[in-house]
């Protein structure tokens, strides 16, 4: 049984990562939230490469992340992915609940043209 929030998230994260993996054709879209920023990257797990990345810090956003900034990060990452010829991805929520900032990020990525 999970002791605290962070250990619960890590347990869920391990379960997700056992089930999904990214390839060059369909990379894994991994998201990380901190108190000050939102980071996302497209990862090819077979070759161990990051194909593209984006963060709220690139946008010059405020000190904290809100839903609007999260959506913009999703759109920016989708734009970079499209430039690299990537349209299909596997979404890795990294143990976070699909709600709020993470949901806004996913919606922004879908609006940008990514399919998952």
C-alpha atoms as a PDB file:
ATOM      1  CA  UNK A   1       0.000   0.000   0.000  1.00  0.00           C
ATOM      2  CA  UNK A   2       1.236   3.488  -0.850  1.00  0.00           C
ATOM      3  CA  UNK A   3       2.535   5.548   2.016  1.00  0.00           C
ATOM      4  CA  UNK A   4       2.347   8.990   0.455  1.00  0.00           C
ATOM      5  CA  UNK A   5       1.413  10.735  -2.778  1.00  0.00           C
ATOM      6  CA  UNK A   6       4.835  10.493  -4.434  1.00  0.00           C
ATOM      7  CA  UNK A   7       5.281   6.774  -3.739  1.00  0.00           C
ATOM      8  CA  UNK A   8       1.755   6.156  -5.043  1.00  0.00           C
ATOM      9  CA  UNK A   9       2.596   8.002  -8.278  1.00  0.00           C
ATOM     10  CA  UNK A  10       5.820   6.025  -8.717  1.00  0.00           C
ATOM     11  CA  UNK A  11       3.962   2.727  -8.244  1.00  0.00           C
ATOM     12  CA  UNK A  12       1.404   3.723 -10.880  1.00  0.00           C
ATOM     13  CA  UNK A  13       4.208   4.952 -13.152  1.00  0.00           C
ATOM     14  CA  UNK A  14       5.949   1.558 -13.039  1.00  0.00           C
ATOM     15  CA  UNK A  15       2.695  -0.173 -13.995  1.00  0.00           C
ATOM     16  CA  UNK A  16       2.189   2.138 -16.956  1.00  0.00           C
ATOM     17  CA  UNK A  17       5.774   1.752 -18.183  1.00  0.00           C
ATOM     18  CA  UNK A  18       5.510  -2.055 -18.052  1.00  0.00           C
ATOM     19  CA  UNK A  19       2.627  -1.855 -20.543  1.00  0.00           C
ATOM     20  CA  UNK A  20       3.751   0.828 -23.019  1.00  0.00           C
ATOM     21  CA  UNK A  21       6.880   1.477 -25.031  1.00  0.00           C
ATOM     22  CA  UNK A  22       7.763   3.924 -27.786  1.00  0.00           C
ATOM     23  CA  UNK A  23       9.243   3.244 -31.214  1.00  0.00           C
ATOM     24  CA  UNK A  24      10.627   5.547 -33.885  1.00  0.00           C
ATOM     25  CA  UNK A  25       7.308   5.394 -35.777  1.00  0.00           C
ATOM     26  CA  UNK A  26       5.109   5.716 -32.661  1.00  0.00           C
ATOM     27  CA  UNK A  27       7.139   7.342 -29.860  1.00  0.00           C
ATOM     28  CA  UNK A  28       6.142   7.587 -26.218  1.00  0.00           C
ATOM     29  CA  UNK A  29       4.881  11.022 -25.169  1.00  0.00           C
ATOM     30  CA  UNK A  30       6.117  11.405 -21.593  1.00  0.00           C
ATOM     31  CA  UNK A  31       4.971  14.285 -19.368  1.00  0.00           C
ATOM     32  CA  UNK A  32       6.534  15.553 -16.138  1.00  0.00           C
ATOM     33  CA  UNK A  33       4.991  18.178 -13.864  1.00  0.00           C
ATOM     34  CA  UNK A  34       6.928  20.153 -11.297  1.00  0.00           C
ATOM     35  CA  UNK A  35       5.742  23.026  -9.124  1.00  0.00           C
ATOM     36  CA  UNK A  36       7.174  25.547 -11.572  1.00  0.00           C
ATOM     37  CA  UNK A  37       7.030  23.920 -15.025  1.00  0.00           C
ATOM     38  CA  UNK A  38       5.583  21.269 -17.292  1.00  0.00           C
ATOM     39  CA  UNK A  39       7.964  19.219 -19.428  1.00  0.00           C
ATOM     40  CA  UNK A  40       7.098  16.845 -22.269  1.00  0.00           C
ATOM     41  CA  UNK A  41       9.196  14.754 -24.612  1.00  0.00           C
ATOM     42  CA  UNK A  42       8.783  12.227 -27.401  1.00  0.00           C
ATOM     43  CA  UNK A  43      10.936   9.186 -26.678  1.00  0.00           C
ATOM     44  CA  UNK A  44      12.028   6.274 -28.858  1.00  0.00           C
ATOM     45  CA  UNK A  45      12.551   3.567 -26.205  1.00  0.00           C
ATOM     46  CA  UNK A  46      14.096   1.057 -28.610  1.00  0.00           C
ATOM     47  CA  UNK A  47      17.031   3.323 -29.491  1.00  0.00           C
ATOM     48  CA  UNK A  48      16.957   5.264 -26.214  1.00  0.00           C
ATOM     49  CA  UNK A  49      16.592   8.651 -27.918  1.00  0.00           C
ATOM     50  CA  UNK A  50      14.558  11.759 -27.264  1.00  0.00           C
ATOM     51  CA  UNK A  51      13.084  12.777 -30.602  1.00  0.00           C
ATOM     52  CA  UNK A  52      11.541  16.087 -29.559  1.00  0.00           C
ATOM     53  CA  UNK A  53      10.818  18.011 -26.375  1.00  0.00           C
ATOM     54  CA  UNK A  54       8.969  21.054 -25.126  1.00  0.00           C
ATOM     55  CA  UNK A  55       8.426  22.795 -21.803  1.00  0.00           C
ATOM     56  CA  UNK A  56       6.602  25.721 -20.302  1.00  0.00           C
ATOM     57  CA  UNK A  57       9.976  27.381 -19.720  1.00  0.00           C
ATOM     58  CA  UNK A  58      10.475  27.578 -23.508  1.00  0.00           C
ATOM     59  CA  UNK A  59       7.301  29.631 -23.762  1.00  0.00           C
ATOM     60  CA  UNK A  60       8.618  32.174 -21.265  1.00  0.00           C
ATOM     61  CA  UNK A  61       5.586  31.495 -19.112  1.00  0.00           C
ATOM     62  CA  UNK A  62       5.038  32.648 -15.565  1.00  0.00           C
ATOM     63  CA  UNK A  63       6.741  31.085 -12.539  1.00  0.00           C
ATOM     64  CA  UNK A  64       3.932  28.571 -12.152  1.00  0.00           C
ATOM     65  CA  UNK A  65       2.087  26.486 -14.714  1.00  0.00           C
ATOM     66  CA  UNK A  66      -1.614  26.921 -15.336  1.00  0.00           C
ATOM     67  CA  UNK A  67      -4.064  25.220 -17.668  1.00  0.00           C
ATOM     68  CA  UNK A  68      -3.592  27.737 -20.501  1.00  0.00           C
ATOM     69  CA  UNK A  69       0.200  27.307 -20.442  1.00  0.00           C
ATOM     70  CA  UNK A  70      -0.185  23.530 -20.381  1.00  0.00           C
ATOM     71  CA  UNK A  71      -2.313  23.650 -23.505  1.00  0.00           C
ATOM     72  CA  UNK A  72       0.288  25.822 -25.258  1.00  0.00           C
ATOM     73  CA  UNK A  73       3.056  23.361 -24.373  1.00  0.00           C
ATOM     74  CA  UNK A  74       0.978  20.589 -25.960  1.00  0.00           C
ATOM     75  CA  UNK A  75       0.500  22.613 -29.136  1.00  0.00           C
ATOM     76  CA  UNK A  76       4.205  23.487 -29.293  1.00  0.00           C
ATOM     77  CA  UNK A  77       5.237  19.844 -28.910  1.00  0.00           C
ATOM     78  CA  UNK A  78       2.747  18.791 -31.609  1.00  0.00           C
ATOM     79  CA  UNK A  79       4.190  21.439 -33.913  1.00  0.00           C
ATOM     80  CA  UNK A  80       7.729  20.110 -33.368  1.00  0.00           C
ATOM     81  CA  UNK A  81       6.554  16.515 -33.843  1.00  0.00           C
ATOM     82  CA  UNK A  82       4.818  17.358 -37.115  1.00  0.00           C
ATOM     83  CA  UNK A  83       8.026  18.980 -38.350  1.00  0.00           C
ATOM     84  CA  UNK A  84       9.802  15.660 -37.645  1.00  0.00           C
ATOM     85  CA  UNK A  85       7.057  13.688 -39.417  1.00  0.00           C
ATOM     86  CA  UNK A  86       5.515  12.190 -36.262  1.00  0.00           C
ATOM     87  CA  UNK A  87       1.728  12.003 -36.050  1.00  0.00           C
ATOM     88  CA  UNK A  88       0.968   8.950 -33.857  1.00  0.00           C
ATOM     89  CA  UNK A  89       2.227   8.694 -30.275  1.00  0.00           C
ATOM     90  CA  UNK A  90       1.664   6.591 -27.135  1.00  0.00           C
ATOM     91  CA  UNK A  91       0.668   8.793 -24.190  1.00  0.00           C
ATOM     92  CA  UNK A  92       2.563   8.231 -20.937  1.00  0.00           C
ATOM     93  CA  UNK A  93       0.910  10.237 -18.162  1.00  0.00           C
ATOM     94  CA  UNK A  94       3.792   9.251 -15.887  1.00  0.00           C
ATOM     95  CA  UNK A  95       1.579   8.256 -12.956  1.00  0.00           C
ATOM     96  CA  UNK A  96      -0.295  11.559 -12.802  1.00  0.00           C
ATOM     97  CA  UNK A  97      -4.079  11.681 -12.737  1.00  0.00           C
ATOM     98  CA  UNK A  98      -5.549  12.610 -16.141  1.00  0.00           C
ATOM     99  CA  UNK A  99      -7.080  15.855 -14.927  1.00  0.00           C
ATOM    100  CA  UNK A 100      -6.455  19.593 -14.994  1.00  0.00           C
ATOM    101  CA  UNK A 101      -3.060  20.558 -16.402  1.00  0.00           C
ATOM    102  CA  UNK A 102      -2.331  17.119 -17.823  1.00  0.00           C
ATOM    103  CA  UNK A 103      -5.716  16.971 -19.566  1.00  0.00           C
ATOM    104  CA  UNK A 104      -5.193  20.475 -20.996  1.00  0.00           C
ATOM    105  CA  UNK A 105      -1.758  19.426 -22.270  1.00  0.00           C
ATOM    106  CA  UNK A 106      -3.233  16.355 -23.990  1.00  0.00           C
ATOM    107  CA  UNK A 107      -6.012  18.420 -25.577  1.00  0.00           C
ATOM    108  CA  UNK A 108      -3.449  20.924 -26.864  1.00  0.00           C
ATOM    109  CA  UNK A 109      -1.348  18.133 -28.367  1.00  0.00           C
ATOM    110  CA  UNK A 110      -4.441  16.677 -30.067  1.00  0.00           C
ATOM    111  CA  UNK A 111      -5.384  20.114 -31.419  1.00  0.00           C
ATOM    112  CA  UNK A 112      -1.856  20.392 -32.784  1.00  0.00           C
ATOM    113  CA  UNK A 113      -2.360  17.201 -34.791  1.00  0.00           C
ATOM    114  CA  UNK A 114      -1.006  14.353 -32.648  1.00  0.00           C
ATOM    115  CA  UNK A 115      -3.091  11.191 -32.468  1.00  0.00           C
ATOM    116  CA  UNK A 116      -3.227   9.099 -29.287  1.00  0.00           C
END
